[in-house]
N, C-alpha and C. Protein backbone atom coordinates (compact mmCIF):
# COMPACT_ATOMS: atom_id res chain seq x y z
N MET A 1 16.47 27.55 -32.97
CA MET A 1 17.05 26.10 -32.25
C MET A 1 16.68 26.03 -31.25
N LEU A 2 17.08 26.70 -30.64
CA LEU A 2 17.69 26.46 -28.87
C LEU A 2 15.58 26.92 -28.19
N ILE A 3 15.40 27.87 -28.54
CA ILE A 3 13.41 28.05 -28.10
C ILE A 3 13.08 26.26 -28.54
N PRO A 4 12.63 25.98 -29.46
CA PRO A 4 12.78 24.61 -29.49
C PRO A 4 12.69 23.31 -28.89
N LEU A 5 14.23 23.69 -28.90
CA LEU A 5 14.73 22.33 -27.84
C LEU A 5 14.29 22.39 -26.53
N ALA A 6 14.23 23.79 -26.00
CA ALA A 6 13.72 23.89 -24.48
C ALA A 6 12.77 23.19 -24.50
N LEU A 7 11.68 23.85 -25.49
CA LEU A 7 9.84 23.90 -25.27
C LEU A 7 9.75 22.36 -24.98
N LEU A 8 10.32 21.85 -26.04
CA LEU A 8 10.62 20.33 -26.26
C LEU A 8 11.26 19.80 -24.59
N THR A 9 12.14 20.50 -24.25
CA THR A 9 12.58 19.85 -22.84
C THR A 9 11.71 19.96 -21.56
N VAL A 10 11.46 20.88 -22.03
CA VAL A 10 9.75 21.23 -20.63
C VAL A 10 8.84 20.63 -20.61
N GLY A 11 8.74 20.53 -21.96
CA GLY A 11 7.09 19.67 -22.46
C GLY A 11 7.54 18.01 -21.80
N PHE A 12 8.44 17.22 -21.90
CA PHE A 12 8.58 15.86 -21.94
C PHE A 12 8.83 16.00 -20.33
N PHE A 13 9.18 17.04 -19.81
CA PHE A 13 9.68 16.59 -18.11
C PHE A 13 7.95 16.86 -17.61
N ALA A 14 6.74 17.92 -18.09
CA ALA A 14 5.74 17.76 -17.71
C ALA A 14 4.92 16.88 -17.65
N VAL A 15 5.51 15.97 -18.88
CA VAL A 15 4.34 14.73 -19.44
C VAL A 15 5.09 13.47 -18.43
N VAL A 16 6.62 13.29 -17.90
CA VAL A 16 7.09 12.59 -17.38
C VAL A 16 5.91 13.31 -15.64
N THR A 17 6.38 13.77 -15.51
CA THR A 17 5.83 14.08 -14.11
C THR A 17 4.24 14.01 -13.85
N TRP A 18 3.36 14.54 -15.13
CA TRP A 18 2.16 14.04 -15.33
C TRP A 18 1.70 11.92 -14.60
N VAL A 19 2.50 11.66 -15.83
CA VAL A 19 2.38 9.83 -15.77
C VAL A 19 2.88 10.01 -14.45
N LEU A 20 4.00 9.82 -13.75
CA LEU A 20 4.30 9.22 -12.43
C LEU A 20 3.28 10.03 -11.47
N ARG A 21 2.94 11.04 -11.49
CA ARG A 21 1.94 11.83 -10.54
C ARG A 21 0.26 10.89 -10.70
N GLY A 22 -0.07 10.36 -11.45
CA GLY A 22 -0.89 9.74 -11.85
C GLY A 22 -0.75 8.46 -11.60
N ARG A 23 0.69 7.54 -11.36
CA ARG A 23 0.34 6.51 -11.15
C ARG A 23 0.41 6.56 -9.78
N LYS A 24 1.10 7.12 -8.92
CA LYS A 24 1.33 7.08 -7.74
C LYS A 24 -0.20 7.58 -7.06
N HIS A 25 -0.99 8.15 -7.79
CA HIS A 25 -2.17 8.26 -7.11
C HIS A 25 -3.31 6.87 -7.33
N ARG A 26 -3.27 6.50 -8.65
CA ARG A 26 -4.15 4.58 -9.03
C ARG A 26 -3.38 4.15 -7.98
N LEU A 27 -1.80 4.07 -7.44
CA LEU A 27 -1.46 3.12 -6.84
C LEU A 27 -1.94 3.26 -5.41
N ALA A 28 -2.26 4.63 -4.41
CA ALA A 28 -2.62 4.09 -2.98
C ALA A 28 -3.86 4.38 -3.31
N ALA A 29 -4.88 4.34 -4.22
CA ALA A 29 -6.61 3.84 -4.37
C ALA A 29 -6.67 2.75 -4.47
N ALA A 30 -5.95 2.34 -5.27
CA ALA A 30 -5.70 0.00 -4.94
C ALA A 30 -5.43 -0.26 -4.14
N VAL A 31 -4.20 0.34 -3.19
CA VAL A 31 -4.05 -0.06 -1.70
C VAL A 31 -5.29 0.05 -0.64
N THR A 32 -5.82 1.41 -0.95
CA THR A 32 -6.94 1.65 0.21
C THR A 32 -8.16 0.65 -0.17
N GLU A 33 -8.41 0.16 -1.35
CA GLU A 33 -9.62 0.01 -1.82
C GLU A 33 -9.80 -1.81 -1.04
N VAL A 34 -10.72 -2.27 -0.31
CA VAL A 34 -10.63 -3.84 -0.13
C VAL A 34 -11.71 -4.58 -0.94
N PRO A 35 -10.93 -5.45 -1.56
CA PRO A 35 -11.26 -6.55 -2.38
C PRO A 35 -12.85 -6.80 -1.74
N VAL A 36 -13.93 -6.59 -2.80
CA VAL A 36 -15.07 -7.21 -2.58
C VAL A 36 -15.20 -8.73 -3.18
N MET A 37 -14.67 -9.28 -3.38
CA MET A 37 -14.73 -10.86 -3.26
C MET A 37 -13.88 -11.82 -2.27
N LEU A 38 -13.79 -11.14 -1.40
CA LEU A 38 -13.62 -11.69 0.13
C LEU A 38 -15.34 -12.01 0.73
N PRO A 39 -14.58 -13.09 1.55
CA PRO A 39 -16.11 -13.18 2.14
C PRO A 39 -16.12 -12.35 3.57
N ALA A 40 -17.46 -12.65 4.14
CA ALA A 40 -18.15 -11.37 5.38
C ALA A 40 -16.70 -12.04 6.09
N ASP A 41 -16.72 -12.95 6.64
CA ASP A 41 -15.35 -13.09 7.81
C ASP A 41 -14.35 -12.54 7.83
N ASP A 42 -14.30 -12.62 6.31
CA ASP A 42 -12.47 -11.97 5.77
C ASP A 42 -12.40 -10.69 5.96
N LEU A 43 -13.60 -9.81 6.15
CA LEU A 43 -13.34 -8.34 6.17
C LEU A 43 -12.64 -7.43 6.70
N PRO A 44 -12.26 -6.44 6.72
CA PRO A 44 -12.67 -5.49 8.11
C PRO A 44 -13.75 -5.05 8.76
N PRO A 45 -14.03 -5.09 10.22
CA PRO A 45 -14.63 -4.34 10.72
C PRO A 45 -14.72 -2.85 10.14
N ALA A 46 -15.88 -2.71 10.38
CA ALA A 46 -16.12 -0.76 9.50
C ALA A 46 -15.54 0.50 10.88
N SER A 47 -14.92 0.20 12.08
CA SER A 47 -14.06 0.22 13.10
C SER A 47 -12.55 0.47 12.74
N ALA A 48 -12.19 -0.60 11.48
CA ALA A 48 -10.47 -0.59 11.33
C ALA A 48 -10.03 0.48 10.01
N VAL A 49 -10.37 1.84 10.23
CA VAL A 49 -9.74 2.55 8.83
C VAL A 49 -8.62 2.86 9.61
N GLY A 50 -8.13 2.42 8.40
CA GLY A 50 -6.46 2.68 8.70
C GLY A 50 -5.69 1.49 9.12
N TRP A 51 -6.24 0.45 8.89
CA TRP A 51 -5.77 -0.36 9.24
C TRP A 51 -4.89 -1.44 8.12
N PRO A 52 -3.66 -2.14 7.59
CA PRO A 52 -3.44 -2.73 8.86
C PRO A 52 -2.43 -0.71 9.06
N PRO A 53 -1.66 -0.52 10.39
CA PRO A 53 -0.80 0.78 10.64
C PRO A 53 -0.03 0.84 10.16
N GLY A 54 -0.08 2.17 9.78
CA GLY A 54 1.58 2.09 8.76
C GLY A 54 2.22 3.17 9.84
N GLY A 55 3.71 3.30 8.70
CA GLY A 55 4.87 4.39 9.91
C GLY A 55 5.26 3.65 10.69
N ARG A 56 5.84 3.97 11.99
CA ARG A 56 6.51 3.86 12.78
C ARG A 56 5.22 2.64 13.86
N GLN A 57 4.39 2.56 13.38
CA GLN A 57 3.60 0.99 14.27
C GLN A 57 3.24 -0.14 13.01
N PHE A 58 4.33 0.20 12.79
CA PHE A 58 4.21 -1.00 11.38
C PHE A 58 4.94 -2.30 12.38
N THR A 59 5.95 -2.00 11.78
CA THR A 59 6.81 -2.72 12.68
C THR A 59 6.44 -3.34 13.95
N SER A 60 5.96 -2.68 14.94
CA SER A 60 5.42 -3.43 15.91
C SER A 60 4.01 -4.27 15.86
N TYR A 61 3.42 -3.80 14.48
CA TYR A 61 2.82 -4.55 14.33
C TYR A 61 3.12 -6.12 13.97
N VAL A 62 4.09 -6.06 12.93
CA VAL A 62 4.43 -6.98 11.98
C VAL A 62 4.95 -8.38 13.38
N ASP A 63 5.66 -7.55 14.28
CA ASP A 63 6.32 -8.03 15.38
C ASP A 63 5.80 -8.63 16.31
N ASN A 64 4.23 -8.37 16.82
CA ASN A 64 3.28 -9.14 17.67
C ASN A 64 2.67 -10.28 16.56
N GLY A 65 2.62 -9.82 15.68
CA GLY A 65 1.99 -10.71 14.42
C GLY A 65 2.48 -12.41 14.72
N PHE A 66 3.95 -12.15 14.63
CA PHE A 66 4.97 -12.83 14.25
C PHE A 66 5.37 -13.64 15.66
N ALA A 67 4.95 -13.21 16.89
CA ALA A 67 5.24 -13.47 18.08
C ALA A 67 3.94 -14.16 18.47
N ALA A 68 2.97 -13.70 17.82
CA ALA A 68 1.33 -14.38 18.14
C ALA A 68 1.91 -16.28 17.30
N LEU A 69 2.10 -16.30 16.10
CA LEU A 69 2.12 -16.95 14.90
C LEU A 69 3.36 -17.96 15.49
N ASP A 70 3.93 -17.24 16.43
CA ASP A 70 5.73 -18.72 16.93
C ASP A 70 4.31 -18.83 18.12
N ALA A 71 4.25 -18.27 18.81
CA ALA A 71 3.33 -18.77 20.21
C ALA A 71 2.51 -19.97 19.78
N TYR A 72 1.83 -19.51 18.55
CA TYR A 72 0.42 -20.92 18.25
C TYR A 72 0.98 -21.50 17.56
N LEU A 73 2.24 -21.99 17.10
CA LEU A 73 3.41 -22.87 16.58
C LEU A 73 3.96 -23.54 16.97
N SER A 74 3.91 -22.99 17.95
CA SER A 74 4.86 -24.08 20.03
C SER A 74 3.88 -24.35 20.47
N GLU A 75 2.79 -23.97 20.24
CA GLU A 75 2.17 -25.45 21.36
C GLU A 75 1.57 -26.34 21.03
N GLY A 76 2.02 -26.58 19.13
CA GLY A 76 1.96 -28.12 19.19
C GLY A 76 0.12 -27.63 18.33
N TYR A 77 -0.11 -26.95 17.98
CA TYR A 77 -1.54 -26.78 17.54
C TYR A 77 -1.72 -27.15 16.12
N ALA A 78 -0.66 -26.59 15.27
CA ALA A 78 -0.57 -26.68 13.71
C ALA A 78 -0.63 -28.01 12.99
N ALA A 79 0.27 -29.44 14.46
CA ALA A 79 0.84 -30.37 13.84
C ALA A 79 -0.14 -31.39 13.78
């Protein structure tokens, strides 16, 4: 009885690992794909590989974007 229970437990963890690993790869592939539905003006340039930046550059990227948006709105263009 102990051997079938051990095999069942090992099989369960193998299936869970396989499913989670497959889901992780599908999510990573979905993030890197550029939607084809976007107009040509909204597509990133071919040289923009890995954009927007990830890791430690991401926070400065977001902060610079908010600063640019704040400067744009403070000049009264959006009103």
